[in-house]
Protein backbone atom coordinates (compact mmCIF):
# COMPACT_ATOMS: atom_id res chain seq x y z
CA UNK A 1 75.44 -44.06 24.28
CA UNK A 2 75.54 -41.82 27.23
CA UNK A 3 77.46 -37.63 28.00
CA UNK A 4 79.46 -37.62 30.54
CA UNK A 5 81.25 -34.71 32.18
CA UNK A 6 85.53 -34.47 31.17
CA UNK A 7 87.52 -36.48 33.64
CA UNK A 8 91.24 -37.51 33.97
CA UNK A 9 90.23 -40.97 33.06
CA UNK A 10 89.62 -39.82 29.34
CA UNK A 11 92.25 -38.13 29.11
CA UNK A 12 93.86 -40.41 26.64
CA UNK A 13 90.59 -40.62 24.55
CA UNK A 14 89.86 -36.85 24.68
CA UNK A 15 93.49 -35.81 23.47
CA UNK A 16 93.64 -38.91 20.73
CA UNK A 17 90.70 -36.74 19.38
CA UNK A 18 92.41 -33.73 19.24
CA UNK A 19 94.65 -34.91 17.18
CA UNK A 20 92.12 -36.83 14.90
CA UNK A 21 90.72 -33.13 14.23
CA UNK A 22 94.24 -31.83 13.84
CA UNK A 23 95.16 -34.33 11.03
CA UNK A 24 91.66 -34.36 8.94
CA UNK A 25 91.82 -30.27 9.16
CA UNK A 26 88.53 -29.83 10.32
CA UNK A 27 87.50 -27.12 12.79
CA UNK A 28 86.86 -29.48 16.47
CA UNK A 29 82.88 -28.01 17.71
CA UNK A 30 81.64 -28.49 20.89
CA UNK A 31 84.81 -28.76 22.51
CA UNK A 32 85.60 -25.81 24.45
CA UNK A 33 88.14 -25.01 22.88
CA UNK A 34 89.91 -28.24 22.79
CA UNK A 35 91.94 -27.63 19.94
CA UNK A 36 93.97 -24.61 21.32
CA UNK A 37 95.17 -27.17 24.42
CA UNK A 38 98.26 -28.96 24.08
CA UNK A 39 98.26 -29.90 28.07
CA UNK A 40 94.68 -32.19 28.78
CA UNK A 41 94.75 -30.47 32.44
CA UNK A 42 94.80 -27.10 31.68
CA UNK A 43 91.93 -27.76 29.26
CA UNK A 44 90.24 -29.63 32.09
CA UNK A 45 90.92 -26.76 34.56
CA UNK A 46 89.20 -24.32 31.94
CA UNK A 47 86.00 -26.41 31.38
CA UNK A 48 85.64 -26.91 35.12
CA UNK A 49 85.71 -22.64 35.60
CA UNK A 50 83.43 -22.47 32.28
CA UNK A 51 80.97 -24.70 34.30
CA UNK A 52 80.47 -22.12 37.16
CA UNK A 53 81.35 -19.29 35.60
CA UNK A 54 84.70 -18.33 36.70
CA UNK A 55 87.56 -16.89 34.78
CA UNK A 56 85.98 -16.40 32.08
CA UNK A 57 86.98 -14.19 28.91
CA UNK A 58 84.46 -11.29 27.82
CA UNK A 59 83.27 -13.38 24.95
CA UNK A 60 82.41 -16.20 26.91
CA UNK A 61 79.80 -17.70 28.82
CA UNK A 62 78.86 -20.61 31.36
CA UNK A 63 78.66 -23.67 29.84
CA UNK A 64 78.80 -27.50 30.54
CA UNK A 65 81.51 -29.83 28.72
CA UNK A 66 80.54 -33.17 27.83
CA UNK A 67 81.73 -36.38 26.34
CA UNK A 68 79.85 -38.65 24.29
CA UNK A 69 80.63 -42.30 25.48
CA UNK A 70 79.29 -45.69 24.02
CA UNK A 71 80.66 -48.84 25.37
CA UNK A 72 83.81 -46.93 27.18
CA UNK A 73 84.76 -45.20 23.87
CA UNK A 74 84.70 -41.53 23.35
CA UNK A 75 82.68 -40.78 20.29
CA UNK A 76 82.02 -37.16 20.05
CA UNK A 77 82.10 -33.59 22.26
CA UNK A 78 79.04 -31.65 23.20
CA UNK A 79 78.75 -28.14 24.41
CA UNK A 80 75.91 -27.00 25.91
CA UNK A 81 76.14 -23.02 26.39
CA UNK A 82 74.03 -21.51 29.61
CA UNK A 83 73.31 -18.71 27.73
CA UNK A 84 74.25 -16.44 24.84
CA UNK A 85 75.66 -13.25 23.84
CA UNK A 86 74.57 -11.44 20.87
CA UNK A 87 77.05 -12.82 18.63
CA UNK A 88 76.35 -16.58 19.91
CA UNK A 89 73.00 -15.46 19.32
CA UNK A 90 73.52 -15.16 15.76
CA UNK A 91 76.29 -17.55 15.12
CA UNK A 92 76.64 -20.21 17.49
CA UNK A 93 73.65 -20.68 19.45
CA UNK A 94 73.50 -22.61 22.80
CA UNK A 95 74.95 -26.23 21.79
CA UNK A 96 78.40 -26.65 19.90
CA UNK A 97 79.06 -30.85 18.79
CA UNK A 98 81.40 -32.93 17.03
CA UNK A 99 81.73 -36.61 16.33
CA UNK A 100 85.10 -38.35 15.48
CA UNK A 101 85.80 -38.14 11.89
CA UNK A 102 86.33 -42.16 11.96
CA UNK A 103 82.91 -42.52 13.29
CA UNK A 104 80.46 -40.57 11.21
CA UNK A 105 77.86 -41.90 9.34
CA UNK A 106 76.74 -43.99 12.17
CA UNK A 107 73.80 -42.43 13.71
CA UNK A 108 76.10 -41.08 16.62
CA UNK A 109 75.42 -37.48 15.62
CA UNK A 110 71.87 -37.56 16.22
CA UNK A 111 71.78 -39.57 19.41
CA UNK A 112 74.49 -37.32 20.95
CA UNK A 113 72.27 -34.29 19.97
CA UNK A 114 68.96 -36.11 21.55
CA UNK A 115 71.04 -36.66 24.67
CA UNK A 116 72.25 -32.89 24.37
CA UNK A 117 68.74 -31.84 24.40
CA UNK A 118 68.03 -33.68 27.59
CA UNK A 119 70.72 -31.94 29.47
CA UNK A 120 69.65 -28.29 28.34
CA UNK A 121 66.00 -28.86 29.57
CA UNK A 122 67.63 -29.95 33.12
CA UNK A 123 68.85 -26.83 32.91
CA UNK A 124 65.96 -25.12 32.65
CA UNK A 125 65.74 -24.19 28.93
CA UNK A 126 63.05 -23.84 26.80
CA UNK A 127 64.26 -23.74 23.46
CA UNK A 128 67.52 -23.84 22.18
CA UNK A 129 69.20 -22.77 19.08
CA UNK A 130 71.94 -24.52 17.09
CA UNK A 131 73.59 -23.70 14.24
CA UNK A 132 75.73 -24.84 11.52
CA UNK A 133 77.65 -24.12 8.08
CA UNK A 134 75.20 -24.02 4.97
CA UNK A 135 77.53 -26.67 3.51
CA UNK A 136 77.13 -29.15 6.60
CA UNK A 137 74.37 -30.99 5.13
CA UNK A 138 74.77 -33.58 7.51
CA UNK A 139 74.92 -31.49 10.34
CA UNK A 140 71.59 -29.65 9.30
CA UNK A 141 70.34 -33.28 8.82
CA UNK A 142 70.89 -34.41 12.33
CA UNK A 143 69.27 -31.06 13.88
CA UNK A 144 66.37 -31.22 11.65
CA UNK A 145 65.88 -34.89 12.67
CA UNK A 146 65.94 -33.89 16.36
CA UNK A 147 62.83 -31.00 15.50
CA UNK A 148 64.92 -28.17 14.61
CA UNK A 149 63.16 -25.55 12.47
CA UNK A 150 64.99 -23.76 10.60
CA UNK A 151 64.79 -20.03 11.48
CA UNK A 152 67.16 -18.20 8.97
CA UNK A 153 70.29 -17.96 7.57
CA UNK A 154 73.26 -15.17 8.38
CA UNK A 155 76.37 -14.58 7.78
CA UNK A 156 79.63 -15.57 9.91
CA UNK A 157 81.75 -12.49 10.80
CA UNK A 158 84.59 -14.96 11.09
CA UNK A 159 84.55 -17.09 8.73
CA UNK A 160 82.38 -15.04 5.84
CA UNK A 161 80.62 -18.53 5.57
CA UNK A 162 76.66 -19.01 5.29
CA UNK A 163 75.41 -19.96 8.57
CA UNK A 164 71.87 -21.61 9.35
CA UNK A 165 69.75 -21.04 12.76
CA UNK A 166 67.59 -23.77 13.37
CA UNK A 167 65.25 -23.42 17.27
CA UNK A 168 64.56 -26.66 19.17
CA UNK A 169 61.42 -26.49 21.86
CA UNK A 170 62.07 -28.26 24.85
CA UNK A 171 58.84 -28.38 26.19
């Protein structure tokens, strides 16, 4: 598995990934709001702007979007936020990620998160915050496998769900 930046060569796979989450009824994490874009090119432009910190809405921060690719197949999405707003600090953290609904329970999430931590370190981060809903036991186990230490639990202001906040040291 490797992390690569989105490009036109992955257009069909990315849009199929979007549809898979739509049909599963799940929220697509780590995709720079991919679920809100019907046109790939518009999403790709947003991703490029987000990475350089241009044209960002007030509630957004610079972030880098990655695709997790294994043998040419899109496995998952990862978004690494370069900084945090107070709300991101409480509820979302530095890294958002997802794995295709059909490819779970195969170890991909742990590999993907491991590679994400390597990328975060390249951005100069010494520690990262990663969150998950308390009901998402698989995600909590994944975060713990790569060194996540639970700091606390908070109530999401958006969903009213309990969110677990994990810190991972990169030093």
